[in-house]
């Protein structure tokens, strides 16, 4: 799942080498934190948050297949 988030995020930004994805488990929820370069923040969030919402939707759909609860945070 972490690899999925990382691949999608790297495809969206200008500086893919500066994309870092970390995961933490909070109760029964896995939280993925995506860190990107400050210049790429707008690209990963998108207009009115559309790209960020789409990223979260794809990850949640993949997590549902594995019966897991997932959150994606962009930092």
N, C-alpha and C. Protein backbone atom coordinates (compact mmCIF):
# COMPACT_ATOMS: atom_id res chain seq x y z
N UNK A 1 0.82 -1.19 0.00
CA UNK A 1 0.00 0.00 0.00
C UNK A 1 0.87 1.26 0.00
N UNK A 2 1.93 1.25 0.80
CA UNK A 2 2.85 2.38 0.87
C UNK A 2 3.47 2.63 -0.50
N UNK A 3 3.78 1.56 -1.21
CA UNK A 3 4.38 1.69 -2.54
C UNK A 3 3.41 2.34 -3.52
N UNK A 4 2.14 2.02 -3.39
CA UNK A 4 1.11 2.62 -4.25
C UNK A 4 1.07 4.12 -4.05
N UNK A 5 1.05 4.56 -2.81
CA UNK A 5 1.03 5.99 -2.50
C UNK A 5 2.27 6.67 -3.07
N UNK A 6 3.42 6.03 -2.89
CA UNK A 6 4.69 6.60 -3.34
C UNK A 6 4.75 6.71 -4.86
N UNK A 7 4.30 5.69 -5.57
CA UNK A 7 4.33 5.71 -7.04
C UNK A 7 3.43 6.81 -7.58
N UNK A 8 2.24 6.93 -7.04
CA UNK A 8 1.31 7.96 -7.51
C UNK A 8 1.86 9.36 -7.22
N UNK A 9 2.38 9.56 -6.02
CA UNK A 9 2.92 10.87 -5.64
C UNK A 9 4.11 11.25 -6.51
N UNK A 10 5.00 10.30 -6.77
CA UNK A 10 6.18 10.59 -7.60
C UNK A 10 5.79 10.92 -9.03
N UNK A 11 4.72 10.34 -9.52
CA UNK A 11 4.26 10.61 -10.89
C UNK A 11 3.68 12.02 -11.02
N UNK A 12 3.23 12.61 -9.93
CA UNK A 12 2.57 13.91 -9.97
C UNK A 12 3.51 15.10 -9.84
N UNK A 13 4.68 14.92 -9.22
CA UNK A 13 5.53 16.06 -8.87
C UNK A 13 6.70 16.24 -9.82
N UNK A 14 7.34 17.43 -9.74
CA UNK A 14 8.52 17.71 -10.56
C UNK A 14 9.78 17.10 -9.96
N UNK A 15 9.84 17.00 -8.63
CA UNK A 15 11.01 16.48 -7.93
C UNK A 15 10.67 15.15 -7.26
N UNK A 16 10.61 14.05 -8.02
CA UNK A 16 10.19 12.77 -7.42
C UNK A 16 11.18 12.23 -6.39
N UNK A 17 12.43 12.68 -6.46
CA UNK A 17 13.41 12.20 -5.48
C UNK A 17 13.18 12.78 -4.09
N UNK A 18 12.37 13.83 -3.99
CA UNK A 18 12.09 14.45 -2.70
C UNK A 18 10.76 13.99 -2.09
N UNK A 19 10.15 12.98 -2.70
CA UNK A 19 8.90 12.43 -2.16
C UNK A 19 9.25 11.37 -1.13
N UNK A 20 8.70 11.52 0.08
CA UNK A 20 8.92 10.55 1.15
C UNK A 20 7.56 10.16 1.74
N UNK A 21 7.34 8.86 1.83
CA UNK A 21 6.09 8.36 2.38
C UNK A 21 6.42 7.53 3.61
N UNK A 22 5.82 7.89 4.74
CA UNK A 22 6.01 7.12 5.97
C UNK A 22 4.64 6.62 6.43
N UNK A 23 4.67 5.55 7.18
CA UNK A 23 3.40 5.01 7.67
C UNK A 23 3.45 4.85 9.18
N UNK A 24 2.31 5.10 9.80
CA UNK A 24 2.15 4.94 11.24
C UNK A 24 0.83 4.22 11.47
N UNK A 25 0.79 3.42 12.51
CA UNK A 25 -0.45 2.75 12.86
C UNK A 25 -1.03 3.42 14.09
N UNK A 26 -2.25 3.90 13.95
CA UNK A 26 -2.95 4.57 15.04
C UNK A 26 -4.24 3.79 15.29
N UNK A 27 -4.29 3.06 16.39
CA UNK A 27 -5.39 2.13 16.68
C UNK A 27 -5.47 1.11 15.55
N UNK A 28 -6.55 1.09 14.80
CA UNK A 28 -6.67 0.13 13.71
C UNK A 28 -6.55 0.81 12.35
N UNK A 29 -6.10 2.06 12.34
CA UNK A 29 -5.99 2.83 11.11
C UNK A 29 -4.51 3.03 10.75
N UNK A 30 -4.18 2.77 9.50
CA UNK A 30 -2.83 3.02 9.01
C UNK A 30 -2.81 4.42 8.39
N UNK A 31 -1.91 5.27 8.87
CA UNK A 31 -1.81 6.65 8.38
C UNK A 31 -0.54 6.76 7.54
N UNK A 32 -0.72 7.15 6.28
CA UNK A 32 0.42 7.39 5.38
C UNK A 32 0.65 8.88 5.29
N UNK A 33 1.86 9.31 5.62
CA UNK A 33 2.22 10.73 5.55
C UNK A 33 3.09 10.93 4.31
N UNK A 34 2.64 11.81 3.43
CA UNK A 34 3.35 12.10 2.19
C UNK A 34 4.03 13.44 2.34
N UNK A 35 5.34 13.45 2.18
CA UNK A 35 6.11 14.69 2.24
C UNK A 35 6.69 14.96 0.85
N UNK A 36 6.50 16.18 0.36
CA UNK A 36 7.02 16.58 -0.95
C UNK A 36 7.74 17.91 -0.80
N UNK A 37 8.46 18.30 -1.85
CA UNK A 37 9.14 19.59 -1.87
C UNK A 37 8.10 20.71 -1.81
N UNK A 38 8.44 21.84 -1.21
CA UNK A 38 7.47 22.95 -1.12
C UNK A 38 6.92 23.40 -2.48
N UNK A 39 7.74 23.33 -3.53
CA UNK A 39 7.29 23.74 -4.87
C UNK A 39 6.21 22.79 -5.40
N UNK A 40 6.26 21.53 -4.98
CA UNK A 40 5.35 20.51 -5.49
C UNK A 40 4.07 20.37 -4.68
N UNK A 41 3.94 21.15 -3.63
CA UNK A 41 2.77 21.02 -2.77
C UNK A 41 1.48 21.27 -3.55
N UNK A 42 1.48 22.27 -4.40
CA UNK A 42 0.29 22.58 -5.20
C UNK A 42 -0.06 21.47 -6.17
N UNK A 43 0.95 20.81 -6.71
CA UNK A 43 0.71 19.74 -7.67
C UNK A 43 0.10 18.51 -7.00
N UNK A 44 0.53 18.22 -5.79
CA UNK A 44 0.03 17.03 -5.10
C UNK A 44 -1.37 17.28 -4.52
N UNK A 45 -1.68 18.54 -4.20
CA UNK A 45 -3.01 18.87 -3.67
C UNK A 45 -4.00 19.12 -4.80
N UNK A 46 -3.58 19.84 -5.82
CA UNK A 46 -4.46 20.11 -6.95
C UNK A 46 -5.41 21.26 -6.68
N UNK A 47 -6.13 21.65 -7.72
CA UNK A 47 -7.09 22.74 -7.56
C UNK A 47 -8.24 22.27 -6.68
N UNK A 48 -8.49 23.05 -5.65
CA UNK A 48 -9.54 22.77 -4.67
C UNK A 48 -9.40 21.38 -4.06
N UNK A 49 -8.16 20.85 -4.04
CA UNK A 49 -7.90 19.57 -3.38
C UNK A 49 -8.35 18.35 -4.16
N UNK A 50 -8.59 18.51 -5.45
CA UNK A 50 -9.11 17.40 -6.25
C UNK A 50 -8.13 16.24 -6.39
N UNK A 51 -6.86 16.54 -6.61
CA UNK A 51 -5.87 15.47 -6.77
C UNK A 51 -5.66 14.75 -5.45
N UNK A 52 -5.59 15.49 -4.35
CA UNK A 52 -5.43 14.87 -3.04
C UNK A 52 -6.62 13.97 -2.73
N UNK A 53 -7.81 14.42 -3.07
CA UNK A 53 -9.01 13.61 -2.84
C UNK A 53 -8.98 12.35 -3.69
N UNK A 54 -8.54 12.46 -4.93
CA UNK A 54 -8.45 11.30 -5.80
C UNK A 54 -7.42 10.30 -5.28
N UNK A 55 -6.29 10.80 -4.81
CA UNK A 55 -5.26 9.94 -4.23
C UNK A 55 -5.82 9.18 -3.04
N UNK A 56 -6.52 9.88 -2.17
CA UNK A 56 -7.11 9.22 -1.00
C UNK A 56 -8.15 8.18 -1.40
N UNK A 57 -8.94 8.48 -2.44
CA UNK A 57 -9.96 7.55 -2.90
C UNK A 57 -9.34 6.26 -3.43
N UNK A 58 -8.28 6.39 -4.22
CA UNK A 58 -7.61 5.21 -4.78
C UNK A 58 -7.01 4.36 -3.67
N UNK A 59 -6.36 4.99 -2.71
CA UNK A 59 -5.73 4.25 -1.61
C UNK A 59 -6.79 3.58 -0.74
N UNK A 60 -7.88 4.27 -0.47
CA UNK A 60 -8.94 3.66 0.34
C UNK A 60 -9.58 2.48 -0.39
N UNK A 61 -9.73 2.58 -1.71
CA UNK A 61 -10.29 1.48 -2.47
C UNK A 61 -9.37 0.25 -2.41
N UNK A 62 -8.06 0.49 -2.53
CA UNK A 62 -7.11 -0.62 -2.43
C UNK A 62 -7.10 -1.21 -1.02
N UNK A 63 -7.25 -0.37 -0.02
CA UNK A 63 -7.25 -0.84 1.37
C UNK A 63 -8.51 -1.65 1.68
N UNK A 64 -9.61 -1.28 1.07
CA UNK A 64 -10.87 -1.99 1.30
C UNK A 64 -10.76 -3.44 0.82
N UNK A 65 -10.03 -3.63 -0.27
CA UNK A 65 -9.84 -4.99 -0.77
C UNK A 65 -9.08 -5.86 0.22
N UNK A 66 -8.25 -5.23 1.05
CA UNK A 66 -7.46 -5.96 2.04
C UNK A 66 -8.06 -5.84 3.44
N UNK A 67 -9.27 -5.31 3.54
CA UNK A 67 -9.96 -5.13 4.82
C UNK A 67 -9.14 -4.31 5.82
N UNK A 68 -8.59 -3.20 5.36
CA UNK A 68 -7.81 -2.30 6.22
C UNK A 68 -8.42 -0.90 6.15
N UNK A 69 -8.16 -0.12 7.19
CA UNK A 69 -8.58 1.29 7.21
C UNK A 69 -7.33 2.14 7.02
N UNK A 70 -7.42 3.10 6.11
CA UNK A 70 -6.24 3.88 5.72
C UNK A 70 -6.60 5.36 5.66
N UNK A 71 -5.63 6.20 6.03
CA UNK A 71 -5.72 7.65 5.86
C UNK A 71 -4.47 8.11 5.15
N UNK A 72 -4.59 9.13 4.31
CA UNK A 72 -3.44 9.72 3.64
C UNK A 72 -3.38 11.19 4.04
N UNK A 73 -2.24 11.60 4.59
CA UNK A 73 -2.03 12.98 4.98
C UNK A 73 -0.90 13.56 4.15
N UNK A 74 -1.09 14.75 3.63
CA UNK A 74 -0.06 15.43 2.85
C UNK A 74 0.56 16.49 3.74
N UNK A 75 1.86 16.36 3.94
CA UNK A 75 2.55 17.26 4.88
C UNK A 75 3.56 18.10 4.10
